Amino acid sequence: MSKPIVAVLRTRPETVLDDYARLLDMAGYQDHLDRNAEVALKINISWHHWYPACSTAPWQLEGVIRKLLADGWPKEQLYGAHNKTVVVSARKGEVANKHKPVLEKYDIRNIHLYEEGEEWITYEPKGKMRVLPEIYPKGIRIPKRLVGSNIIHLPTTKTHVFTTMTGAMKNAFGGLLHERRHWTHSVIHETLVDLLTIQKEIHPGIFAVTDGTFAGDGPGPRCMVPYEKDVILASADQVAIDAVAAKMMGFAPMSLDFIRLAHEAGLGVGEIGEIDIVGDDISGENWGFTREQNTFASRGQKMIYWGPLKPLEKFLLRTVLAPWSYLASRLYHDAYWYPCVGSGRVDDALETKWGKLFQTY
């Protein structure tokens, strides 16, 4: 059996769009997508503010779109796909993160999967499920539009308070599950494996393109310290691309449960030695990112999911009391952390080469 390919390139603002085109070819993207099916460009919006490394970069989205169109994909066959969360507005985020102008520039449909007119269906997986049927006993609901579509995930290289790092596998967390997906946080690793199982059943083609021009370290996906790392990655193997990104961040990929479980289930390859890494040499990369960092908000969440408040999880998060947690998150991140801490980091980032490129969109 041949090794999965993960393509990695070093890039700079002057060449990034062309570099994305090269990257997709190196990863053999056309071998993994069905030409007769639509292509969902799964945009990641982790915050409705622009914050470096937090959400899909505009040049990442543009580079992929431009390459698809150049290779003959009709624009009518492509669409941007957005999800909904209880604490982040995708409508605000697509403007702040410059996704909307990119889609409009190329006249690509912009689909918000949770809005009126978008049908959700109950899906019965054929493969083994670890946790989702227990969490959603009335059925696993997914967007009908995604069934039969190719999907290209557009994550960034960043850490995460629940999964250590987040990338291609977790990007499906937003697309496939509705706004009650936070019910799965206590079993998040198993959930990501279940979602990859479902993806392999419903999508004729799956591909991922990860942007590491900025990378985020710390209590992600929002309250991070951004760094310029100048790399981009692509692969059809969702497990392998996350494993390579994790290795560059400084983590042992198989120590991350979602990578290990997916590897053991045969859903992809998490062992670095079993992956064909092509492109630029990254064998010496180790960014030294940290595994355990928390904010005030994430400490409270972990107490509910895995700590002393675990017996109260359903009462606190699945009843009429649930809105308290959403309000607490919004107050902490939007009213306190961003104006007091994040905005200064944003100002600094805007002075970098990638920040200057962002301002051109």
Protein backbone atom coordinates (compact mmCIF):
# COMPACT_ATOMS: atom_id res chain seq x y z
CA MET A 1 0.00 0.00 0.00
CA SER A 2 1.46 3.37 -0.99
CA LYS A 3 2.11 6.04 1.58
CA PRO A 4 -0.25 9.04 1.73
CA ILE A 5 1.25 12.27 0.41
CA VAL A 6 1.44 15.45 2.43
CA ALA A 7 2.81 18.38 0.44
CA VAL A 8 4.52 21.20 2.35
CA LEU A 9 5.89 24.42 0.91
CA ARG A 10 7.50 27.50 2.36
CA THR A 11 5.87 30.63 1.02
CA ARG A 12 5.82 34.43 1.08
CA PRO A 13 3.15 37.01 0.30
CA GLU A 14 4.51 37.79 -3.16
CA THR A 15 4.15 34.18 -4.32
CA VAL A 16 1.53 32.65 -2.02
CA LEU A 17 -1.25 32.29 -4.62
CA ASP A 18 1.08 30.58 -7.08
CA ASP A 19 2.52 28.50 -4.25
CA TYR A 20 -0.94 27.22 -3.41
CA ALA A 21 -1.36 26.14 -7.01
CA ARG A 22 1.94 24.23 -6.88
CA LEU A 23 1.00 22.75 -3.52
CA LEU A 24 -2.28 21.30 -4.76
CA ASP A 25 -0.56 19.71 -7.74
CA MET A 26 2.18 18.23 -5.56
CA ALA A 27 -0.48 16.66 -3.34
CA GLY A 28 -2.29 15.29 -6.41
CA TYR A 29 -5.58 16.91 -5.53
CA GLN A 30 -7.30 16.06 -8.82
CA ASP A 31 -6.80 12.35 -8.14
CA HIS A 32 -8.93 12.65 -5.03
CA LEU A 33 -11.93 14.74 -6.16
CA ASP A 34 -14.88 13.70 -8.31
CA ARG A 35 -15.07 15.97 -11.35
CA ASN A 36 -18.81 15.39 -11.65
CA ALA A 37 -19.62 16.51 -8.09
CA GLU A 38 -19.80 19.93 -6.49
CA VAL A 39 -16.95 21.12 -4.29
CA ALA A 40 -17.65 22.50 -0.84
CA LEU A 41 -14.90 24.84 0.32
CA LYS A 42 -15.24 24.39 4.08
CA ILE A 43 -14.17 27.73 5.49
CA ASN A 44 -13.06 27.85 9.12
CA ILE A 45 -14.30 30.80 11.18
CA SER A 46 -13.21 30.38 14.78
CA TRP A 47 -13.95 34.00 15.67
CA HIS A 48 -15.93 36.87 14.19
CA HIS A 49 -12.89 39.11 14.65
CA TRP A 50 -9.82 38.82 12.49
CA TYR A 51 -7.10 37.28 14.61
CA PRO A 52 -3.94 35.77 13.08
CA ALA A 53 -4.05 31.97 12.61
CA CYS A 54 -7.56 31.80 14.05
CA SER A 55 -9.59 31.38 10.84
CA THR A 56 -9.11 30.53 7.15
CA ALA A 57 -6.77 33.10 5.58
CA PRO A 58 -8.14 35.03 2.58
CA TRP A 59 -5.11 34.09 0.46
CA GLN A 60 -5.68 30.44 1.40
CA LEU A 61 -9.25 30.59 0.12
CA GLU A 62 -8.27 32.59 -2.96
CA GLY A 63 -5.33 30.33 -3.80
CA VAL A 64 -7.55 27.24 -3.78
CA ILE A 65 -10.35 28.88 -5.78
CA ARG A 66 -7.97 30.30 -8.36
CA LYS A 67 -6.32 26.90 -8.84
CA LEU A 68 -9.65 25.07 -9.24
CA LEU A 69 -10.87 27.57 -11.82
CA ALA A 70 -7.56 27.45 -13.70
CA ASP A 71 -7.86 23.67 -13.89
CA GLY A 72 -11.29 23.89 -15.48
CA TRP A 73 -13.69 23.51 -12.57
CA PRO A 74 -16.80 25.59 -13.40
CA LYS A 75 -17.48 28.29 -10.82
CA GLU A 76 -21.05 27.00 -10.60
CA GLN A 77 -19.65 23.74 -9.22
CA LEU A 78 -17.94 25.44 -6.27
CA TYR A 79 -19.38 26.91 -3.09
CA GLY A 80 -18.10 28.33 0.16
CA ALA A 81 -19.57 26.52 3.17
CA HIS A 82 -20.06 28.12 6.58
CA ASN A 83 -21.27 26.65 9.85
CA LYS A 84 -22.90 28.18 12.92
CA THR A 85 -21.83 28.23 16.55
CA VAL A 86 -23.57 29.59 19.60
CA VAL A 87 -20.73 32.03 20.35
CA VAL A 88 -19.34 33.02 16.92
CA SER A 89 -21.19 34.81 14.11
CA ALA A 90 -20.20 33.46 10.71
CA ARG A 91 -21.93 36.42 9.05
CA LYS A 92 -19.67 38.85 10.88
CA GLY A 93 -16.67 36.56 10.59
CA GLU A 94 -16.81 36.20 6.81
CA VAL A 95 -16.53 39.99 6.54
CA ALA A 96 -13.90 40.52 9.24
CA ASN A 97 -11.74 37.67 7.91
CA LYS A 98 -12.13 38.82 4.25
CA HIS A 99 -13.73 35.58 3.03
CA LYS A 100 -16.80 37.23 1.56
CA PRO A 101 -14.89 39.57 -0.81
CA VAL A 102 -12.84 36.63 -2.09
CA LEU A 103 -15.95 34.61 -2.92
CA GLU A 104 -17.53 37.66 -4.54
CA LYS A 105 -14.39 38.36 -6.60
CA TYR A 106 -14.66 34.95 -8.26
CA ASP A 107 -18.48 34.85 -8.22
CA ILE A 108 -18.55 31.72 -6.04
CA ARG A 109 -21.72 30.81 -4.14
CA ASN A 110 -21.62 31.54 -0.43
CA ILE A 111 -23.64 29.00 1.56
CA HIS A 112 -24.43 29.28 5.27
CA LEU A 113 -25.43 25.74 6.11
CA TYR A 114 -27.59 26.65 9.10
CA GLU A 115 -29.79 29.30 7.49
CA GLU A 116 -33.35 29.04 6.16
CA GLY A 117 -33.59 27.01 2.99
CA GLU A 118 -30.76 24.66 3.92
CA GLU A 119 -32.15 21.21 4.67
CA TRP A 120 -30.73 19.01 7.42
CA ILE A 121 -31.32 15.27 7.35
CA THR A 122 -30.98 12.41 9.81
CA TYR A 123 -28.03 10.29 8.73
CA GLU A 124 -27.47 6.68 9.68
CA PRO A 125 -23.75 5.87 9.44
CA LYS A 126 -22.72 2.56 7.99
CA GLY A 127 -19.37 2.45 9.77
CA LYS A 128 -18.58 2.02 13.44
CA MET A 129 -19.62 4.93 15.66
CA ARG A 130 -17.94 5.49 19.00
CA VAL A 131 -20.01 8.21 20.65
CA LEU A 132 -22.35 10.17 18.37
CA PRO A 133 -25.42 7.85 18.60
CA GLU A 134 -25.33 8.12 22.39
CA ILE A 135 -24.98 11.89 22.35
CA TYR A 136 -27.73 12.32 19.76
CA PRO A 137 -30.16 9.43 20.44
CA LYS A 138 -32.78 11.00 18.19
CA GLY A 139 -30.42 10.78 15.25
CA ILE A 140 -27.28 12.38 13.82
CA ARG A 141 -28.32 15.45 11.83
CA ILE A 142 -26.13 16.67 8.96
CA PRO A 143 -26.58 19.20 6.13
CA LYS A 144 -28.15 17.55 3.10
CA ARG A 145 -26.13 19.79 0.79
CA LEU A 146 -22.86 18.18 1.86
CA VAL A 147 -24.00 14.67 0.90
CA GLY A 148 -22.54 13.95 -2.53
CA SER A 149 -20.27 16.99 -2.54
CA ASN A 150 -16.50 16.86 -2.61
CA ILE A 151 -15.09 18.78 0.33
CA ILE A 152 -11.90 20.79 0.69
CA HIS A 153 -11.15 21.70 4.29
CA LEU A 154 -9.40 25.02 4.92
CA PRO A 155 -7.98 24.94 8.47
CA THR A 156 -5.01 26.80 9.95
CA THR A 157 -2.09 25.67 12.10
CA LYS A 158 -3.10 26.39 15.67
CA THR A 159 -3.38 24.88 19.10
CA HIS A 160 -6.63 24.11 20.88
CA VAL A 161 -7.61 23.89 24.54
CA PHE A 162 -9.52 20.63 24.03
CA THR A 163 -7.56 18.74 21.36
CA THR A 164 -4.01 20.20 21.77
CA MET A 165 -3.99 21.14 18.08
CA THR A 166 -6.74 21.59 15.54
CA GLY A 167 -6.67 21.11 11.80
CA ALA A 168 -8.36 19.20 9.01
CA MET A 169 -10.16 16.61 11.13
CA LYS A 170 -11.66 19.18 13.47
CA ASN A 171 -12.74 21.41 10.58
CA ALA A 172 -15.50 18.87 9.92
CA PHE A 173 -16.73 19.43 13.47
CA GLY A 174 -18.15 22.75 12.34
CA GLY A 175 -19.50 21.61 9.00
CA LEU A 176 -21.27 18.37 9.82
CA LEU A 177 -22.70 18.99 13.29
CA HIS A 178 -25.30 21.60 14.24
CA GLU A 179 -24.88 24.29 16.88
CA ARG A 180 -25.34 21.73 19.67
CA ARG A 181 -22.02 20.14 18.81
CA HIS A 182 -20.61 21.42 22.12
CA TRP A 183 -22.49 18.47 23.64
CA THR A 184 -19.63 16.33 22.29
CA HIS A 185 -16.75 18.23 23.90
CA SER A 186 -16.27 15.73 26.70
CA VAL A 187 -15.62 13.04 24.07
CA ILE A 188 -14.17 15.31 21.41
CA HIS A 189 -11.45 12.93 20.18
CA GLU A 190 -13.89 10.09 19.55
CA THR A 191 -16.29 12.57 17.95
CA LEU A 192 -13.69 13.64 15.39
CA VAL A 193 -13.09 10.00 14.46
CA ASP A 194 -16.84 9.42 14.07
CA LEU A 195 -17.08 12.48 11.83
CA LEU A 196 -14.23 11.30 9.62
CA THR A 197 -16.04 7.96 9.27
CA ILE A 198 -19.18 9.81 8.14
CA GLN A 199 -17.21 12.02 5.76
CA LYS A 200 -15.76 9.02 3.99
CA GLU A 201 -19.32 7.77 3.45
CA ILE A 202 -20.95 10.97 2.19
CA HIS A 203 -18.20 12.78 0.23
CA PRO A 204 -16.94 11.39 -3.11
CA GLY A 205 -13.72 13.28 -2.49
CA ILE A 206 -12.04 14.72 0.62
CA PHE A 207 -9.04 17.05 0.58
CA ALA A 208 -7.43 19.49 3.01
CA VAL A 209 -5.34 22.61 2.57
CA THR A 210 -3.81 23.98 5.78
CA ASP A 211 -2.45 27.50 6.08
CA GLY A 212 0.57 28.03 8.32
CA THR A 213 1.58 31.50 7.19
CA PHE A 214 0.51 32.54 10.67
CA ALA A 215 0.44 29.85 13.36
CA GLY A 216 -1.15 30.16 16.79
CA ASP A 217 0.25 28.87 20.08
CA GLY A 218 -1.52 28.91 23.43
CA PRO A 219 -5.17 28.51 24.48
CA GLY A 220 -6.65 28.27 20.99
CA PRO A 221 -8.62 28.55 18.87
CA ARG A 222 -8.88 32.22 19.85
CA CYS A 223 -6.62 33.37 22.69
CA MET A 224 -3.29 32.50 21.08
CA VAL A 225 0.09 34.09 20.48
CA PRO A 226 0.51 34.36 16.67
CA TYR A 227 3.79 33.61 14.91
CA GLU A 228 4.82 33.90 11.28
CA LYS A 229 5.75 30.40 10.10
CA ASP A 230 5.44 30.85 6.31
CA VAL A 231 4.32 27.30 5.47
CA ILE A 232 1.33 25.76 3.68
CA LEU A 233 0.27 22.10 3.57
CA ALA A 234 -2.07 19.94 1.48
CA SER A 235 -3.18 16.31 1.49
CA ALA A 236 -6.07 13.99 0.75
CA ASP A 237 -5.36 12.17 4.03
CA GLN A 238 -6.98 14.15 6.85
CA VAL A 239 -5.12 12.23 9.53
CA ALA A 240 -1.73 12.56 7.84
CA ILE A 241 -1.94 16.32 7.26
CA ASP A 242 -2.86 16.85 10.91
CA ALA A 243 -0.02 14.57 11.97
CA VAL A 244 2.52 16.56 9.95
CA ALA A 245 1.17 19.86 11.26
CA ALA A 246 1.29 18.51 14.81
CA LYS A 247 4.89 17.36 14.33
CA MET A 248 5.93 20.82 13.13
CA MET A 249 4.24 22.39 16.15
CA GLY A 250 6.34 20.17 18.39
CA PHE A 251 3.82 17.49 19.34
CA ALA A 252 4.17 13.73 18.94
CA PRO A 253 1.24 13.05 16.57
CA MET A 254 0.32 9.67 17.98
CA SER A 255 0.12 11.16 21.48
CA LEU A 256 -2.96 13.08 20.29
CA ASP A 257 -5.93 10.80 20.79
CA PHE A 258 -7.92 11.83 17.70
CA ILE A 259 -4.93 11.13 15.44
CA ARG A 260 -4.11 7.84 17.14
CA LEU A 261 -7.72 6.60 17.13
CA ALA A 262 -8.20 7.50 13.46
CA HIS A 263 -4.92 5.81 12.56
CA GLU A 264 -5.88 2.65 14.46
CA ALA A 265 -9.28 2.63 12.75
CA GLY A 266 -7.65 2.73 9.31
CA LEU A 267 -9.16 6.13 8.48
CA GLY A 268 -5.79 7.66 7.67
CA VAL A 269 -2.13 7.58 8.66
CA GLY A 270 -0.86 9.22 11.84
CA GLU A 271 2.64 7.72 12.01
CA ILE A 272 5.09 10.23 10.52
CA GLY A 273 7.35 7.47 9.20
CA GLU A 274 4.45 6.11 7.13
CA ILE A 275 3.75 9.44 5.39
CA ASP A 276 5.39 10.65 2.17
CA ILE A 277 6.18 14.32 2.91
CA VAL A 278 6.99 16.09 -0.36
CA GLY A 279 8.07 19.63 -1.16
CA ASP A 280 10.32 21.60 1.14
CA ASP A 281 12.38 19.89 3.83
CA ILE A 282 10.67 20.30 7.20
CA SER A 283 12.51 17.51 9.01
CA GLY A 284 14.08 20.01 11.41
CA GLU A 285 10.90 21.92 12.17
CA ASN A 286 9.90 22.08 15.83
CA TRP A 287 8.05 25.22 16.81
CA GLY A 288 7.97 24.27 20.48
CA PHE A 289 4.27 24.95 20.88
CA THR A 290 2.70 24.23 24.26
CA ARG A 291 0.29 21.44 25.08
CA GLU A 292 -1.38 22.76 28.22
CA GLN A 293 -2.56 26.35 28.33
CA ASN A 294 -5.91 27.67 29.45
CA THR A 295 -7.96 30.80 29.78
CA PHE A 296 -10.39 31.53 32.57
CA ALA A 297 -13.17 30.36 30.22
CA SER A 298 -11.51 27.10 29.21
CA ARG A 299 -10.72 26.18 32.82
CA GLY A 300 -14.41 26.42 33.59
CA GLN A 301 -15.31 24.32 30.56
CA LYS A 302 -12.81 21.62 31.51
CA MET A 303 -14.22 21.48 35.03
CA ILE A 304 -17.59 20.68 33.46
CA TYR A 305 -16.36 18.23 30.82
CA TRP A 306 -13.70 16.34 32.79
CA GLY A 307 -13.51 17.81 36.29
CA PRO A 308 -15.52 18.08 39.50
CA LEU A 309 -18.56 19.55 37.72
CA LYS A 310 -18.86 16.56 35.36
CA PRO A 311 -22.02 15.22 37.11
CA LEU A 312 -23.71 18.53 36.29
CA GLU A 313 -22.71 18.61 32.60
CA LYS A 314 -26.13 17.87 31.12
CA PHE A 315 -27.90 20.12 33.61
CA LEU A 316 -25.58 23.06 32.89
CA LEU A 317 -25.21 22.68 29.13
CA ARG A 318 -28.34 20.92 27.84
CA THR A 319 -31.18 22.60 29.69
CA VAL A 320 -32.65 26.10 29.91
CA LEU A 321 -29.52 27.04 31.86
CA ALA A 322 -27.30 26.52 28.81
CA PRO A 323 -27.40 30.17 27.61
CA TRP A 324 -25.37 31.16 30.67
CA SER A 325 -22.33 29.42 29.21
CA TYR A 326 -22.74 31.11 25.83
CA LEU A 327 -23.03 34.52 27.50
CA ALA A 328 -20.02 33.83 29.69
CA SER A 329 -17.92 32.92 26.64
CA ARG A 330 -18.99 36.01 24.71
CA LEU A 331 -18.31 38.29 27.67
CA TYR A 332 -14.90 36.79 28.31
CA HIS A 333 -13.64 36.65 24.73
CA ASP A 334 -15.35 39.67 23.16
CA ALA A 335 -15.79 42.09 26.05
CA TYR A 336 -12.58 41.34 27.95
CA TRP A 337 -9.89 39.35 26.16
CA TYR A 338 -10.02 40.85 22.67
CA PRO A 339 -10.02 44.55 23.68
CA CYS A 340 -7.59 44.06 26.58
CA VAL A 341 -5.15 41.54 25.09
CA GLY A 342 -5.99 40.46 21.55
CA SER A 343 -6.31 43.85 19.89
CA GLY A 344 -2.71 44.70 20.71
CA ARG A 345 -1.52 41.45 19.15
CA VAL A 346 -3.65 42.19 16.09
CA ASP A 347 -2.02 45.62 15.74
CA ASP A 348 1.41 44.00 15.86
CA ALA A 349 0.38 41.33 13.35
CA LEU A 350 -0.88 43.94 10.89
CA GLU A 351 2.67 45.32 10.72
CA THR A 352 4.08 41.98 9.55
CA LYS A 353 4.35 40.94 5.90
CA TRP A 354 1.25 38.76 6.20
CA GLY A 355 -0.65 41.45 8.05
CA LYS A 356 0.11 43.88 5.25
CA LEU A 357 -1.13 41.33 2.72
CA PHE A 358 -4.32 40.90 4.75
CA GLN A 359 -4.97 44.63 4.52
CA THR A 360 -4.94 44.46 0.72
CA TYR A 361 -8.08 42.29 0.65
